[in-house]
Amino acid sequence: MNKFIGTGVAIITPFNEDKSVDYSSLEKLVEHLITNGIDYLVVQGTTGESVTLTKEEKEETLAFIIKVNNGRLPIVLGIGGNSTAAVIDAFRSTDLAGVQAILSVSPYYNKPTQEGIYQHYKAVSEVSTLPIILYNVPGRTASNILPKTTLRLARDFDNIVAIKEASGSLEQCMEIINNKPEGFLVISGDDALTLPMIASGGDGVISVLANAFPRGFSDMVLAALSSNMVRAKELHYKYFEMIHYLFVEGNPAGVKAALKVLGITGDAVRLPLVNVSEKTFKKIKEIIATY
């Protein structure tokens, strides 16, 4: 699973002004990421506004990214939901040729118990033909995968190989890192906590920020993984203020604003998301000017 150590990027889905998928900008973005040092691509996660994409759009955007990537980097596909049966159906019905792993978010809205979360992933694991990366993001799902459940899943199922941890709790992440089986990866799901998580023994990040700044952020991750903490800290604080403004009015509206300033994609989002305010856009533009 070394291919998932380092910097993965949760790719946005660019939209035209009429809200259709902007494939020209998507190609530009993928090339921007690949040529600037990131380690793998994550398609149709939260940042990709996957919940607003139709089944056909999901199939088309995945196929398009696989084509543009042309085998250069590993691809992780997001497949998750709050109906276990529907998630299993998606695993079985999706063409996974060209995909190296699945990122599967913990069931949201239902607020399952820890046993319910375990049984959900057990059922998914039994039908998956690819490695699975658990995704814990309590701020969106309304339930937390506790360390004991993560560790239980890591020990019980060989194809559950990692967790993207976005609980915001370094203590929780360290408990997993300290007790995980050999080879199980702990990946940061919070850009701002990536450096301290790697310093604690984590394995990298699935980043939002790196859509816009792949070279600088992947250099930070590489420096941290190489124990060059002086350089890693320098880059961490370079982007620290930017991270705040990318998330202050929601994701991916913030990073799409940055990508617009950089001339890589537009900033259109689909309802119920809206663009960042003029004040936040101006601040993002001002910070980028300092780079």
Protein backbone atom coordinates (compact mmCIF):
# COMPACT_ATOMS: atom_id res chain seq x y z
CA MET A 1 0.00 0.00 0.00
CA ASN A 2 3.03 2.29 -0.35
CA LYS A 3 1.30 3.91 -3.34
CA PHE A 4 -1.02 5.68 -0.88
CA ILE A 5 1.77 7.15 1.25
CA GLY A 6 2.29 10.85 0.56
CA THR A 7 -0.10 13.33 -1.00
CA GLY A 8 -3.41 12.32 -2.49
CA VAL A 9 -5.70 15.03 -3.85
CA ALA A 10 -9.47 15.01 -3.47
CA ILE A 11 -10.18 16.37 -6.94
CA ILE A 12 -12.87 18.98 -7.45
CA THR A 13 -15.38 18.59 -10.28
CA PRO A 14 -15.22 21.78 -12.38
CA PHE A 15 -18.54 23.05 -13.72
CA ASN A 16 -19.44 25.41 -16.52
CA GLU A 17 -21.67 28.38 -15.75
CA ASP A 18 -24.68 26.26 -16.79
CA LYS A 19 -23.54 23.71 -14.14
CA SER A 20 -22.60 21.03 -16.67
CA VAL A 21 -19.25 19.29 -16.09
CA ASP A 22 -16.38 21.32 -17.54
CA TYR A 23 -14.21 18.60 -19.04
CA SER A 24 -11.68 21.02 -20.50
CA SER A 25 -10.92 22.44 -17.04
CA LEU A 26 -10.95 18.96 -15.53
CA GLU A 27 -8.21 17.87 -17.94
CA LYS A 28 -6.23 21.02 -17.12
CA LEU A 29 -6.58 20.31 -13.40
CA VAL A 30 -5.49 16.68 -13.67
CA GLU A 31 -2.39 17.70 -15.63
CA HIS A 32 -1.70 20.44 -13.07
CA LEU A 33 -1.74 17.85 -10.29
CA ILE A 34 0.27 15.16 -12.05
CA THR A 35 3.04 17.53 -13.17
CA ASN A 36 3.38 19.10 -9.73
CA GLY A 37 4.39 16.12 -7.66
CA ILE A 38 1.29 14.62 -6.06
CA ASP A 39 1.22 10.86 -5.44
CA TYR A 40 -2.35 9.76 -6.24
CA LEU A 41 -5.74 11.06 -7.36
CA VAL A 42 -8.96 10.75 -5.37
CA VAL A 43 -12.07 10.97 -7.54
CA GLN A 44 -15.66 11.68 -6.45
CA GLY A 45 -15.09 12.38 -2.82
CA THR A 46 -16.85 15.14 -0.89
CA THR A 47 -14.65 17.77 -2.57
CA GLY A 48 -15.76 16.47 -5.96
CA GLU A 49 -19.40 17.25 -5.07
CA SER A 50 -20.15 13.61 -5.77
CA VAL A 51 -23.58 13.78 -4.14
CA THR A 52 -24.71 16.24 -6.82
CA LEU A 53 -23.43 14.17 -9.76
CA THR A 54 -25.78 11.87 -11.63
CA LYS A 55 -24.87 8.20 -12.13
CA GLU A 56 -24.02 8.98 -15.75
CA GLU A 57 -21.83 11.93 -14.78
CA LYS A 58 -19.98 9.80 -12.26
CA GLU A 59 -19.26 7.19 -14.92
CA GLU A 60 -18.20 9.80 -17.48
CA THR A 61 -15.95 11.83 -15.17
CA LEU A 62 -14.22 8.70 -13.84
CA ALA A 63 -13.59 7.40 -17.36
CA PHE A 64 -12.33 10.83 -18.43
CA ILE A 65 -9.87 11.12 -15.53
CA ILE A 66 -8.61 7.57 -16.12
CA LYS A 67 -8.01 8.47 -19.76
CA VAL A 68 -6.19 11.73 -18.99
CA ASN A 69 -4.15 10.09 -16.22
CA ASN A 70 -3.09 7.33 -18.63
CA GLY A 71 -1.69 5.14 -15.86
CA ARG A 72 0.66 7.79 -14.49
CA LEU A 73 -0.72 7.85 -10.93
CA PRO A 74 -2.88 5.53 -8.80
CA ILE A 75 -6.58 6.45 -8.71
CA VAL A 76 -8.83 6.12 -5.65
CA LEU A 77 -12.59 6.24 -6.23
CA GLY A 78 -15.11 7.39 -3.66
CA ILE A 79 -17.99 4.95 -3.13
CA GLY A 80 -20.02 5.39 0.05
CA GLY A 81 -23.44 6.17 1.42
CA ASN A 82 -25.92 5.64 4.21
CA SER A 83 -27.58 2.55 2.76
CA THR A 84 -25.32 -0.48 2.99
CA ALA A 85 -27.30 -2.30 0.29
CA ALA A 86 -26.95 0.64 -2.10
CA VAL A 87 -23.20 0.89 -1.43
CA ILE A 88 -22.79 -2.83 -2.12
CA ASP A 89 -24.75 -2.42 -5.35
CA ALA A 90 -22.46 0.45 -6.37
CA PHE A 91 -19.39 -1.68 -5.68
CA ARG A 92 -20.79 -4.45 -7.87
CA SER A 93 -22.10 -2.27 -10.71
CA THR A 94 -19.25 0.24 -11.12
CA ASP A 95 -16.59 -0.42 -13.74
CA LEU A 96 -13.45 -0.32 -11.61
CA ALA A 97 -10.92 -0.90 -14.39
CA GLY A 98 -8.20 1.69 -13.90
CA VAL A 99 -9.02 2.19 -10.19
CA GLN A 100 -6.57 1.03 -7.52
CA ALA A 101 -8.59 1.52 -4.30
CA ILE A 102 -11.93 2.67 -2.91
CA LEU A 103 -12.44 5.49 -0.41
CA SER A 104 -15.63 4.70 1.48
CA VAL A 105 -17.16 7.22 3.85
CA SER A 106 -18.80 6.04 7.06
CA PRO A 107 -22.62 6.02 6.81
CA TYR A 108 -24.01 9.50 7.36
CA TYR A 109 -27.32 10.79 8.76
CA ASN A 110 -28.38 7.38 10.16
CA LYS A 111 -25.99 7.78 13.14
CA PRO A 112 -25.22 4.04 13.47
CA THR A 113 -23.66 2.54 16.58
CA GLN A 114 -20.06 1.36 16.48
CA GLU A 115 -21.34 -2.17 15.84
CA GLY A 116 -23.45 -0.84 12.98
CA ILE A 117 -20.40 0.87 11.46
CA TYR A 118 -18.40 -2.34 11.82
CA GLN A 119 -21.10 -4.46 10.19
CA HIS A 120 -21.48 -1.93 7.34
CA TYR A 121 -17.79 -2.12 6.47
CA LYS A 122 -17.75 -5.90 6.96
CA ALA A 123 -20.48 -6.23 4.33
CA VAL A 124 -18.65 -3.85 1.98
CA SER A 125 -15.32 -5.61 2.50
CA GLU A 126 -16.85 -8.96 1.56
CA VAL A 127 -17.91 -7.73 -1.90
CA SER A 128 -14.96 -5.45 -2.72
CA THR A 129 -12.39 -6.55 -5.26
CA LEU A 130 -10.16 -3.60 -4.38
CA PRO A 131 -8.45 -2.30 -1.23
CA ILE A 132 -10.68 -0.08 0.91
CA ILE A 133 -9.73 3.16 2.63
CA LEU A 134 -12.10 3.96 5.48
CA TYR A 135 -13.19 7.60 5.69
CA ASN A 136 -14.03 9.08 9.09
CA VAL A 137 -15.44 12.62 8.93
CA PRO A 138 -17.81 13.14 11.90
CA GLY A 139 -18.44 16.77 10.96
CA ARG A 140 -20.33 15.52 7.90
CA THR A 141 -21.59 12.09 8.95
CA ALA A 142 -22.81 12.94 12.48
CA SER A 143 -21.06 9.86 13.86
CA ASN A 144 -17.45 9.12 14.75
CA ILE A 145 -15.60 5.89 13.94
CA LEU A 146 -13.92 5.30 17.29
CA PRO A 147 -10.32 4.01 17.28
CA LYS A 148 -11.40 0.63 18.65
CA THR A 149 -13.70 0.17 15.63
CA THR A 150 -11.04 1.28 13.14
CA LEU A 151 -8.53 -1.11 14.70
CA ARG A 152 -11.05 -3.96 14.75
CA LEU A 153 -11.73 -3.47 11.04
CA ALA A 154 -8.02 -3.17 10.25
CA ARG A 155 -7.28 -6.45 12.00
CA ASP A 156 -10.28 -8.41 10.73
CA PHE A 157 -10.23 -7.59 6.98
CA ASP A 158 -7.12 -7.76 4.82
CA ASN A 159 -8.61 -5.52 2.13
CA ILE A 160 -9.28 -2.67 4.58
CA VAL A 161 -5.87 -1.08 4.27
CA ALA A 162 -6.11 2.51 5.54
CA ILE A 163 -8.23 5.23 7.08
CA LYS A 164 -8.63 8.83 6.03
CA GLU A 165 -8.99 10.45 9.46
CA ALA A 166 -10.84 13.77 9.54
CA SER A 167 -12.12 13.61 13.11
CA GLY A 168 -10.00 16.64 14.00
CA SER A 169 -8.67 14.77 17.04
CA LEU A 170 -4.93 14.15 17.07
CA GLU A 171 -5.37 12.05 20.19
CA GLN A 172 -7.74 9.75 18.29
CA CYS A 173 -5.32 9.51 15.36
CA MET A 174 -2.41 8.74 17.66
CA GLU A 175 -4.37 5.96 19.34
CA ILE A 176 -4.88 4.34 15.94
CA ILE A 177 -1.24 4.87 14.89
CA ASN A 178 0.03 3.41 18.17
CA ASN A 179 -2.06 0.23 17.94
CA LYS A 180 -2.60 -0.45 14.22
CA PRO A 181 -1.45 -3.63 12.50
CA GLU A 182 1.69 -3.40 10.40
CA GLY A 183 1.05 -1.89 6.98
CA PHE A 184 -2.25 -0.19 7.86
CA LEU A 185 -2.06 3.48 6.82
CA VAL A 186 -3.38 6.48 8.72
CA ILE A 187 -3.99 9.34 6.30
CA SER A 188 -4.86 12.89 7.30
CA GLY A 189 -8.20 14.23 6.12
CA ASP A 190 -7.48 17.70 7.53
CA ASP A 191 -4.96 19.84 5.65
CA ALA A 192 -4.20 21.93 8.73
CA LEU A 193 -3.39 18.84 10.85
CA THR A 194 -1.30 16.99 8.26
CA LEU A 195 2.08 18.04 9.66
CA PRO A 196 1.39 17.08 13.30
CA MET A 197 -0.25 13.85 12.17
CA ILE A 198 2.79 12.83 10.13
CA ALA A 199 5.02 13.82 13.03
CA SER A 200 2.98 11.41 15.15
CA GLY A 201 3.50 8.57 12.68
CA GLY A 202 0.85 9.21 10.02
CA ASP A 203 1.38 8.40 6.37
CA GLY A 204 0.31 11.50 4.45
CA VAL A 205 -2.85 13.31 3.42
CA ILE A 206 -5.81 13.31 1.08
CA SER A 207 -5.80 17.04 0.51
CA VAL A 208 -8.19 19.77 -0.62
CA LEU A 209 -5.59 22.55 -0.64
CA ALA A 210 -3.36 20.60 -3.02
CA ASN A 211 -5.90 21.06 -5.83
CA ALA A 212 -4.57 24.61 -6.02
CA PHE A 213 -1.06 24.22 -4.59
CA PRO A 214 0.08 20.66 -5.34
CA ARG A 215 3.82 21.35 -5.51
CA GLY A 216 4.11 23.28 -2.26
CA PHE A 217 1.85 21.02 -0.22
CA SER A 218 3.30 17.76 -1.53
CA ASP A 219 6.78 19.16 -0.78
CA MET A 220 5.62 19.79 2.80
CA VAL A 221 4.33 16.23 3.12
CA LEU A 222 7.52 14.77 1.64
CA ALA A 223 9.68 16.87 3.95
CA ALA A 224 7.67 15.73 6.98
CA LEU A 225 7.82 12.07 5.94
CA SER A 226 11.59 12.49 5.51
CA SER A 227 11.86 14.00 9.03
CA ASN A 228 12.97 17.36 7.62
CA MET A 229 10.78 19.20 10.07
CA VAL A 230 12.41 22.59 9.55
CA ARG A 231 11.38 22.63 5.89
CA ALA A 232 8.03 20.97 6.61
CA LYS A 233 7.18 23.57 9.25
CA GLU A 234 8.12 26.40 6.89
CA LEU A 235 5.73 25.13 4.21
CA HIS A 236 3.02 24.26 6.73
CA TYR A 237 2.85 27.84 7.95
CA LYS A 238 3.11 29.23 4.43
CA TYR A 239 -0.29 27.65 3.66
CA PHE A 240 -1.80 27.79 7.15
CA GLU A 241 -3.80 31.01 6.65
CA MET A 242 -4.91 29.90 3.19
CA ILE A 243 -6.32 26.66 4.61
CA HIS A 244 -8.55 28.68 6.92
CA TYR A 245 -10.00 30.73 4.09
CA LEU A 246 -10.51 27.71 1.83
CA PHE A 247 -12.86 26.23 4.43
CA VAL A 248 -14.38 29.25 6.16
CA GLU A 249 -17.40 29.25 3.81
CA GLY A 250 -17.44 25.57 2.96
CA ASN A 251 -15.67 23.07 0.77
CA PRO A 252 -15.17 23.04 -2.21
CA ALA A 253 -16.34 26.63 -2.71
CA GLY A 254 -13.11 27.94 -1.16
CA VAL A 255 -10.67 25.89 -3.19
CA LYS A 256 -12.66 26.55 -6.36
CA ALA A 257 -12.23 30.28 -5.67
CA ALA A 258 -8.46 29.74 -5.41
CA LEU A 259 -8.43 27.73 -8.64
CA LYS A 260 -10.30 30.54 -10.38
CA VAL A 261 -7.73 33.10 -9.20
CA LEU A 262 -4.96 30.82 -10.48
CA GLY A 263 -6.69 30.45 -13.86
CA ILE A 264 -6.94 26.66 -13.66
CA THR A 265 -10.73 26.18 -13.39
CA GLY A 266 -13.84 28.26 -12.78
CA ASP A 267 -15.50 28.52 -9.38
CA ALA A 268 -19.03 27.30 -10.19
CA VAL A 269 -20.62 24.96 -7.65
CA ARG A 270 -23.94 23.13 -7.63
CA LEU A 271 -26.75 23.89 -5.22
CA PRO A 272 -27.18 23.62 -2.33
CA LEU A 273 -23.58 24.94 -2.31
CA VAL A 274 -22.95 28.54 -3.31
CA ASN A 275 -19.81 30.51 -4.12
CA VAL A 276 -17.80 32.16 -1.36
CA SER A 277 -18.60 35.76 -0.52
CA GLU A 278 -16.84 38.64 -2.25
CA LYS A 279 -14.97 39.32 1.01
CA THR A 280 -13.57 35.78 1.21
CA PHE A 281 -12.75 35.70 -2.52
CA LYS A 282 -10.81 38.95 -2.13
CA LYS A 283 -8.87 37.55 0.84
CA ILE A 284 -7.98 34.35 -1.04
CA LYS A 285 -6.78 36.48 -3.96
CA GLU A 286 -4.67 38.64 -1.64
CA ILE A 287 -3.00 35.60 -0.05
CA ILE A 288 -2.23 34.06 -3.43
CA ALA A 289 -0.61 37.35 -4.49
CA THR A 290 1.86 36.94 -1.62
CA TYR A 291 2.94 33.57 -3.03
